[in-house]
């Protein structure tokens, strides 16, 4: 069970990095997870349940897919 928790923690590591650490085009120090959350909330009229559903997808993405999704969303 401990290995599972470690794997889950590693999946979210990119989400917890600041935007400036993930993208060379950003000077925003907001964590990637928060920036993506805020963007989705703004786009869907602040529907928290819809945003939660979207955010759950991010945790199962590879780093490459997550980075591309975030860049498409935020750039």
PDB file of N, CA and C in Angstrom:
ATOM      1  N   UNK A   1       0.816  -1.191   0.000  1.00  0.00           N
ATOM      2  CA  UNK A   1       0.000   0.000   0.000  1.00  0.00           C
ATOM      3  C   UNK A   1       0.862   1.259   0.000  1.00  0.00           C
ATOM      4  N   UNK A   2       1.985   1.222   0.671  1.00  0.00           N
ATOM      5  CA  UNK A   2       2.870   2.383   0.728  1.00  0.00           C
ATOM      6  C   UNK A   2       3.408   2.737  -0.661  1.00  0.00           C
ATOM      7  N   UNK A   3       3.731   1.741  -1.476  1.00  0.00           N
ATOM      8  CA  UNK A   3       4.218   1.998  -2.829  1.00  0.00           C
ATOM      9  C   UNK A   3       3.141   2.692  -3.664  1.00  0.00           C
ATOM     10  N   UNK A   4       1.890   2.319  -3.452  1.00  0.00           N
ATOM     11  CA  UNK A   4       0.790   2.962  -4.171  1.00  0.00           C
ATOM     12  C   UNK A   4       0.714   4.444  -3.829  1.00  0.00           C
ATOM     13  N   UNK A   5       0.838   4.774  -2.568  1.00  0.00           N
ATOM     14  CA  UNK A   5       0.796   6.170  -2.153  1.00  0.00           C
ATOM     15  C   UNK A   5       1.945   6.959  -2.750  1.00  0.00           C
ATOM     16  N   UNK A   6       3.114   6.367  -2.817  1.00  0.00           N
ATOM     17  CA  UNK A   6       4.277   7.025  -3.405  1.00  0.00           C
ATOM     18  C   UNK A   6       4.030   7.270  -4.896  1.00  0.00           C
ATOM     19  N   UNK A   7       3.465   6.297  -5.578  1.00  0.00           N
ATOM     20  CA  UNK A   7       3.173   6.453  -7.010  1.00  0.00           C
ATOM     21  C   UNK A   7       2.161   7.569  -7.224  1.00  0.00           C
ATOM     22  N   UNK A   8       1.151   7.634  -6.378  1.00  0.00           N
ATOM     23  CA  UNK A   8       0.156   8.697  -6.496  1.00  0.00           C
ATOM     24  C   UNK A   8       0.794  10.064  -6.262  1.00  0.00           C
ATOM     25  N   UNK A   9       1.700  10.146  -5.305  1.00  0.00           N
ATOM     26  CA  UNK A   9       2.373  11.415  -5.018  1.00  0.00           C
ATOM     27  C   UNK A   9       3.208  11.857  -6.212  1.00  0.00           C
ATOM     28  N   UNK A  10       3.876  10.924  -6.861  1.00  0.00           N
ATOM     29  CA  UNK A  10       4.699  11.272  -8.015  1.00  0.00           C
ATOM     30  C   UNK A  10       3.853  11.744  -9.191  1.00  0.00           C
ATOM     31  N   UNK A  11       2.662  11.209  -9.346  1.00  0.00           N
ATOM     32  CA  UNK A  11       1.785  11.622 -10.438  1.00  0.00           C
ATOM     33  C   UNK A  11       1.395  13.083 -10.337  1.00  0.00           C
ATOM     34  N   UNK A  12       1.309  13.589  -9.129  1.00  0.00           N
ATOM     35  CA  UNK A  12       0.848  14.959  -8.952  1.00  0.00           C
ATOM     36  C   UNK A  12       1.993  15.954  -8.796  1.00  0.00           C
ATOM     37  N   UNK A  13       3.227  15.498  -8.846  1.00  0.00           N
ATOM     38  CA  UNK A  13       4.368  16.391  -8.638  1.00  0.00           C
ATOM     39  C   UNK A  13       4.361  17.563  -9.612  1.00  0.00           C
ATOM     40  N   UNK A  14       4.110  17.318 -10.884  1.00  0.00           N
ATOM     41  CA  UNK A  14       4.090  18.400 -11.873  1.00  0.00           C
ATOM     42  C   UNK A  14       2.978  19.398 -11.561  1.00  0.00           C
ATOM     43  N   UNK A  15       1.832  18.905 -11.111  1.00  0.00           N
ATOM     44  CA  UNK A  15       0.719  19.792 -10.780  1.00  0.00           C
ATOM     45  C   UNK A  15       1.069  20.750  -9.653  1.00  0.00           C
ATOM     46  N   UNK A  16       1.974  20.357  -8.776  1.00  0.00           N
ATOM     47  CA  UNK A  16       2.326  21.173  -7.622  1.00  0.00           C
ATOM     48  C   UNK A  16       3.466  22.162  -7.890  1.00  0.00           C
ATOM     49  N   UNK A  17       4.068  22.084  -9.067  1.00  0.00           N
ATOM     50  CA  UNK A  17       5.144  23.021  -9.412  1.00  0.00           C
ATOM     51  C   UNK A  17       4.554  24.368  -9.821  1.00  0.00           C
ATOM     52  N   UNK A  18       5.332  25.416  -9.583  1.00  0.00           N
ATOM     53  CA  UNK A  18       4.913  26.754 -10.002  1.00  0.00           C
ATOM     54  C   UNK A  18       4.940  26.845 -11.521  1.00  0.00           C
ATOM     55  N   UNK A  19       4.073  27.682 -12.049  1.00  0.00           N
ATOM     56  CA  UNK A  19       4.017  27.880 -13.502  1.00  0.00           C
ATOM     57  C   UNK A  19       5.394  28.224 -14.069  1.00  0.00           C
ATOM     58  N   UNK A  20       6.173  29.038 -13.341  1.00  0.00           N
ATOM     59  CA  UNK A  20       7.501  29.430 -13.822  1.00  0.00           C
ATOM     60  C   UNK A  20       8.447  28.245 -13.935  1.00  0.00           C
ATOM     61  N   UNK A  21       8.222  27.209 -13.143  1.00  0.00           N
ATOM     62  CA  UNK A  21       9.055  26.011 -13.195  1.00  0.00           C
ATOM     63  C   UNK A  21       8.671  25.107 -14.362  1.00  0.00           C
ATOM     64  N   UNK A  22       7.430  25.188 -14.789  1.00  0.00           N
ATOM     65  CA  UNK A  22       6.922  24.287 -15.826  1.00  0.00           C
ATOM     66  C   UNK A  22       7.087  24.886 -17.220  1.00  0.00           C
ATOM     67  N   UNK A  23       6.849  26.199 -17.342  1.00  0.00           N
ATOM     68  CA  UNK A  23       6.856  26.852 -18.651  1.00  0.00           C
ATOM     69  C   UNK A  23       7.827  28.014 -18.682  1.00  0.00           C
ATOM     70  N   UNK A  24       8.656  28.056 -19.720  1.00  0.00           N
ATOM     71  CA  UNK A  24       9.603  29.170 -19.854  1.00  0.00           C
ATOM     72  C   UNK A  24       8.901  30.465 -20.259  1.00  0.00           C
ATOM     73  N   UNK A  25       7.664  30.387 -20.740  1.00  0.00           N
ATOM     74  CA  UNK A  25       6.931  31.578 -21.157  1.00  0.00           C
ATOM     75  C   UNK A  25       6.145  32.229 -20.012  1.00  0.00           C
ATOM     76  N   UNK A  26       6.156  31.608 -18.847  1.00  0.00           N
ATOM     77  CA  UNK A  26       5.360  32.131 -17.740  1.00  0.00           C
ATOM     78  C   UNK A  26       6.239  32.734 -16.653  1.00  0.00           C
ATOM     79  N   UNK A  27       5.771  33.834 -16.068  1.00  0.00           N
ATOM     80  CA  UNK A  27       6.441  34.404 -14.897  1.00  0.00           C
ATOM     81  C   UNK A  27       5.525  34.325 -13.674  1.00  0.00           C
ATOM     82  N   UNK A  28       4.500  33.483 -13.781  1.00  0.00           N
ATOM     83  CA  UNK A  28       3.499  33.300 -12.726  1.00  0.00           C
ATOM     84  C   UNK A  28       3.997  32.255 -11.723  1.00  0.00           C
ATOM     85  N   UNK A  29       3.960  32.580 -10.455  1.00  0.00           N
ATOM     86  CA  UNK A  29       4.408  31.660  -9.412  1.00  0.00           C
ATOM     87  C   UNK A  29       3.270  30.796  -8.849  1.00  0.00           C
ATOM     88  N   UNK A  30       2.092  30.895  -9.456  1.00  0.00           N
ATOM     89  CA  UNK A  30       0.954  30.078  -9.052  1.00  0.00           C
ATOM     90  C   UNK A  30       1.253  28.612  -9.369  1.00  0.00           C
ATOM     91  N   UNK A  31       0.921  27.688  -8.458  1.00  0.00           N
ATOM     92  CA  UNK A  31       1.069  26.267  -8.789  1.00  0.00           C
ATOM     93  C   UNK A  31       0.235  25.918 -10.024  1.00  0.00           C
ATOM     94  N   UNK A  32       0.753  25.036 -10.839  1.00  0.00           N
ATOM     95  CA  UNK A  32       0.070  24.649 -12.076  1.00  0.00           C
ATOM     96  C   UNK A  32      -1.356  24.190 -11.789  1.00  0.00           C
ATOM     97  N   UNK A  33      -1.542  23.374 -10.768  1.00  0.00           N
ATOM     98  CA  UNK A  33      -2.878  22.874 -10.400  1.00  0.00           C
ATOM     99  C   UNK A  33      -3.858  24.039 -10.181  1.00  0.00           C
ATOM    100  N   UNK A  34      -3.423  25.062  -9.450  1.00  0.00           N
ATOM    101  CA  UNK A  34      -4.286  26.204  -9.147  1.00  0.00           C
ATOM    102  C   UNK A  34      -4.596  27.018 -10.402  1.00  0.00           C
ATOM    103  N   UNK A  35      -3.595  27.205 -11.247  1.00  0.00           N
ATOM    104  CA  UNK A  35      -3.813  27.967 -12.481  1.00  0.00           C
ATOM    105  C   UNK A  35      -4.816  27.252 -13.381  1.00  0.00           C
ATOM    106  N   UNK A  36      -4.676  25.931 -13.490  1.00  0.00           N
ATOM    107  CA  UNK A  36      -5.606  25.159 -14.312  1.00  0.00           C
ATOM    108  C   UNK A  36      -7.000  25.177 -13.695  1.00  0.00           C
ATOM    109  N   UNK A  37      -7.072  25.000 -12.380  1.00  0.00           N
ATOM    110  CA  UNK A  37      -8.357  25.032 -11.672  1.00  0.00           C
ATOM    111  C   UNK A  37      -9.070  26.360 -11.918  1.00  0.00           C
ATOM    112  N   UNK A  38      -8.348  27.457 -11.729  1.00  0.00           N
ATOM    113  CA  UNK A  38      -8.940  28.782 -11.903  1.00  0.00           C
ATOM    114  C   UNK A  38      -9.446  28.988 -13.327  1.00  0.00           C
ATOM    115  N   UNK A  39      -8.675  28.520 -14.292  1.00  0.00           N
ATOM    116  CA  UNK A  39      -9.069  28.658 -15.693  1.00  0.00           C
ATOM    117  C   UNK A  39     -10.364  27.898 -15.965  1.00  0.00           C
ATOM    118  N   UNK A  40     -10.436  26.654 -15.507  1.00  0.00           N
ATOM    119  CA  UNK A  40     -11.625  25.841 -15.744  1.00  0.00           C
ATOM    120  C   UNK A  40     -12.832  26.450 -15.022  1.00  0.00           C
ATOM    121  N   UNK A  41     -12.627  26.903 -13.789  1.00  0.00           N
ATOM    122  CA  UNK A  41     -13.728  27.539 -13.052  1.00  0.00           C
ATOM    123  C   UNK A  41     -14.259  28.761 -13.808  1.00  0.00           C
ATOM    124  N   UNK A  42     -13.368  29.580 -14.336  1.00  0.00           N
ATOM    125  CA  UNK A  42     -13.782  30.759 -15.089  1.00  0.00           C
ATOM    126  C   UNK A  42     -14.538  30.367 -16.359  1.00  0.00           C
ATOM    127  N   UNK A  43     -14.077  29.302 -17.017  1.00  0.00           N
ATOM    128  CA  UNK A  43     -14.702  28.877 -18.278  1.00  0.00           C
ATOM    129  C   UNK A  43     -16.071  28.242 -18.096  1.00  0.00           C
ATOM    130  N   UNK A  44     -16.315  27.624 -16.930  1.00  0.00           N
ATOM    131  CA  UNK A  44     -17.576  26.905 -16.784  1.00  0.00           C
ATOM    132  C   UNK A  44     -18.558  27.619 -15.847  1.00  0.00           C
ATOM    133  N   UNK A  45     -18.361  28.900 -15.653  1.00  0.00           N
ATOM    134  CA  UNK A  45     -19.284  29.661 -14.828  1.00  0.00           C
ATOM    135  C   UNK A  45     -19.199  29.323 -13.348  1.00  0.00           C
ATOM    136  N   UNK A  46     -18.016  28.927 -12.915  1.00  0.00           N
ATOM    137  CA  UNK A  46     -17.744  28.616 -11.504  1.00  0.00           C
ATOM    138  C   UNK A  46     -18.554  27.424 -10.992  1.00  0.00           C
ATOM    139  N   UNK A  47     -18.674  26.411 -11.846  1.00  0.00           N
ATOM    140  CA  UNK A  47     -19.338  25.162 -11.480  1.00  0.00           C
ATOM    141  C   UNK A  47     -18.296  24.239 -10.837  1.00  0.00           C
ATOM    142  N   UNK A  48     -18.314  24.191  -9.521  1.00  0.00           N
ATOM    143  CA  UNK A  48     -17.302  23.441  -8.789  1.00  0.00           C
ATOM    144  C   UNK A  48     -17.327  21.957  -9.133  1.00  0.00           C
ATOM    145  N   UNK A  49     -18.490  21.354  -9.240  1.00  0.00           N
ATOM    146  CA  UNK A  49     -18.578  19.919  -9.527  1.00  0.00           C
ATOM    147  C   UNK A  49     -17.998  19.590 -10.905  1.00  0.00           C
ATOM    148  N   UNK A  50     -18.255  20.428 -11.881  1.00  0.00           N
ATOM    149  CA  UNK A  50     -17.692  20.211 -13.216  1.00  0.00           C
ATOM    150  C   UNK A  50     -16.174  20.387 -13.195  1.00  0.00           C
ATOM    151  N   UNK A  51     -15.699  21.326 -12.404  1.00  0.00           N
ATOM    152  CA  UNK A  51     -14.261  21.554 -12.302  1.00  0.00           C
ATOM    153  C   UNK A  51     -13.580  20.380 -11.616  1.00  0.00           C
ATOM    154  N   UNK A  52     -14.190  19.849 -10.582  1.00  0.00           N
ATOM    155  CA  UNK A  52     -13.639  18.664  -9.907  1.00  0.00           C
ATOM    156  C   UNK A  52     -13.531  17.504 -10.886  1.00  0.00           C
ATOM    157  N   UNK A  53     -14.556  17.284 -11.682  1.00  0.00           N
ATOM    158  CA  UNK A  53     -14.538  16.206 -12.671  1.00  0.00           C
ATOM    159  C   UNK A  53     -13.388  16.393 -13.660  1.00  0.00           C
ATOM    160  N   UNK A  54     -13.180  17.618 -14.086  1.00  0.00           N
ATOM    161  CA  UNK A  54     -12.082  17.911 -15.017  1.00  0.00           C
ATOM    162  C   UNK A  54     -10.733  17.714 -14.338  1.00  0.00           C
ATOM    163  N   UNK A  55     -10.602  18.191 -13.108  1.00  0.00           N
ATOM    164  CA  UNK A  55      -9.332  18.116 -12.383  1.00  0.00           C
ATOM    165  C   UNK A  55      -8.921  16.673 -12.096  1.00  0.00           C
ATOM    166  N   UNK A  56      -9.874  15.788 -11.898  1.00  0.00           N
ATOM    167  CA  UNK A  56      -9.546  14.372 -11.644  1.00  0.00           C
ATOM    168  C   UNK A  56      -8.806  13.762 -12.828  1.00  0.00           C
ATOM    169  N   UNK A  57      -9.109  14.228 -14.020  1.00  0.00           N
ATOM    170  CA  UNK A  57      -8.440  13.725 -15.226  1.00  0.00           C
ATOM    171  C   UNK A  57      -6.948  14.059 -15.209  1.00  0.00           C
ATOM    172  N   UNK A  58      -6.601  15.214 -14.661  1.00  0.00           N
ATOM    173  CA  UNK A  58      -5.214  15.663 -14.680  1.00  0.00           C
ATOM    174  C   UNK A  58      -4.310  14.727 -13.899  1.00  0.00           C
ATOM    175  N   UNK A  59      -4.804  14.163 -12.817  1.00  0.00           N
ATOM    176  CA  UNK A  59      -3.979  13.317 -11.959  1.00  0.00           C
ATOM    177  C   UNK A  59      -3.632  11.984 -12.602  1.00  0.00           C
ATOM    178  N   UNK A  60      -4.366  11.574 -13.625  1.00  0.00           N
ATOM    179  CA  UNK A  60      -4.056  10.307 -14.285  1.00  0.00           C
ATOM    180  C   UNK A  60      -3.274  10.505 -15.583  1.00  0.00           C
ATOM    181  N   UNK A  61      -2.997  11.748 -15.953  1.00  0.00           N
ATOM    182  CA  UNK A  61      -2.249  12.033 -17.184  1.00  0.00           C
ATOM    183  C   UNK A  61      -0.752  11.858 -16.965  1.00  0.00           C
ATOM    184  N   UNK A  62      -0.064  11.507 -18.035  1.00  0.00           N
ATOM    185  CA  UNK A  62       1.397  11.516 -17.992  1.00  0.00           C
ATOM    186  C   UNK A  62       1.850  12.972 -17.889  1.00  0.00           C
ATOM    187  N   UNK A  63       3.088  13.183 -17.459  1.00  0.00           N
ATOM    188  CA  UNK A  63       3.610  14.552 -17.375  1.00  0.00           C
ATOM    189  C   UNK A  63       3.546  15.256 -18.725  1.00  0.00           C
ATOM    190  N   UNK A  64       3.874  14.533 -19.792  1.00  0.00           N
ATOM    191  CA  UNK A  64       3.871  15.145 -21.124  1.00  0.00           C
ATOM    192  C   UNK A  64       2.456  15.567 -21.530  1.00  0.00           C
ATOM    193  N   UNK A  65       1.483  14.697 -21.281  1.00  0.00           N
ATOM    194  CA  UNK A  65       0.092  15.027 -21.617  1.00  0.00           C
ATOM    195  C   UNK A  65      -0.429  16.169 -20.750  1.00  0.00           C
ATOM    196  N   UNK A  66      -0.074  16.134 -19.473  1.00  0.00           N
ATOM    197  CA  UNK A  66      -0.513  17.186 -18.561  1.00  0.00           C
ATOM    198  C   UNK A  66       0.075  18.536 -18.972  1.00  0.00           C
ATOM    199  N   UNK A  67       1.349  18.539 -19.306  1.00  0.00           N
ATOM    200  CA  UNK A  67       2.004  19.786 -19.703  1.00  0.00           C
ATOM    201  C   UNK A  67       1.364  20.342 -20.975  1.00  0.00           C
ATOM    202  N   UNK A  68       1.074  19.473 -21.947  1.00  0.00           N
ATOM    203  CA  UNK A  68       0.440  19.925 -23.190  1.00  0.00           C
ATOM    204  C   UNK A  68      -0.968  20.449 -22.909  1.00  0.00           C
ATOM    205  N   UNK A  69      -1.722  19.740 -22.088  1.00  0.00           N
ATOM    206  CA  UNK A  69      -3.072  20.178 -21.733  1.00  0.00           C
ATOM    207  C   UNK A  69      -3.042  21.538 -21.057  1.00  0.00           C
ATOM    208  N   UNK A  70      -2.125  21.690 -20.113  1.00  0.00           N
ATOM    209  CA  UNK A  70      -2.010  22.948 -19.381  1.00  0.00           C
ATOM    210  C   UNK A  70      -1.580  24.083 -20.317  1.00  0.00           C
ATOM    211  N   UNK A  71      -0.634  23.806 -21.187  1.00  0.00           N
ATOM    212  CA  UNK A  71      -0.160  24.837 -22.105  1.00  0.00           C
ATOM    213  C   UNK A  71      -1.267  25.280 -23.051  1.00  0.00           C
ATOM    214  N   UNK A  72      -2.010  24.311 -23.588  1.00  0.00           N
ATOM    215  CA  UNK A  72      -3.124  24.646 -24.472  1.00  0.00           C
ATOM    216  C   UNK A  72      -4.178  25.475 -23.738  1.00  0.00           C
ATOM    217  N   UNK A  73      -4.359  25.175 -22.471  1.00  0.00           N
ATOM    218  CA  UNK A  73      -5.366  25.850 -21.663  1.00  0.00           C
ATOM    219  C   UNK A  73      -4.926  27.254 -21.233  1.00  0.00           C
ATOM    220  N   UNK A  74      -3.670  27.411 -20.902  1.00  0.00           N
ATOM    221  CA  UNK A  74      -3.204  28.618 -20.204  1.00  0.00           C
ATOM    222  C   UNK A  74      -2.401  29.602 -21.048  1.00  0.00           C
ATOM    223  N   UNK A  75      -1.875  29.163 -22.151  1.00  0.00           N
ATOM    224  CA  UNK A  75      -1.000  30.054 -22.930  1.00  0.00           C
ATOM    225  C   UNK A  75      -1.794  31.007 -23.780  1.00  0.00           C
TER     226      UNK A  75
END
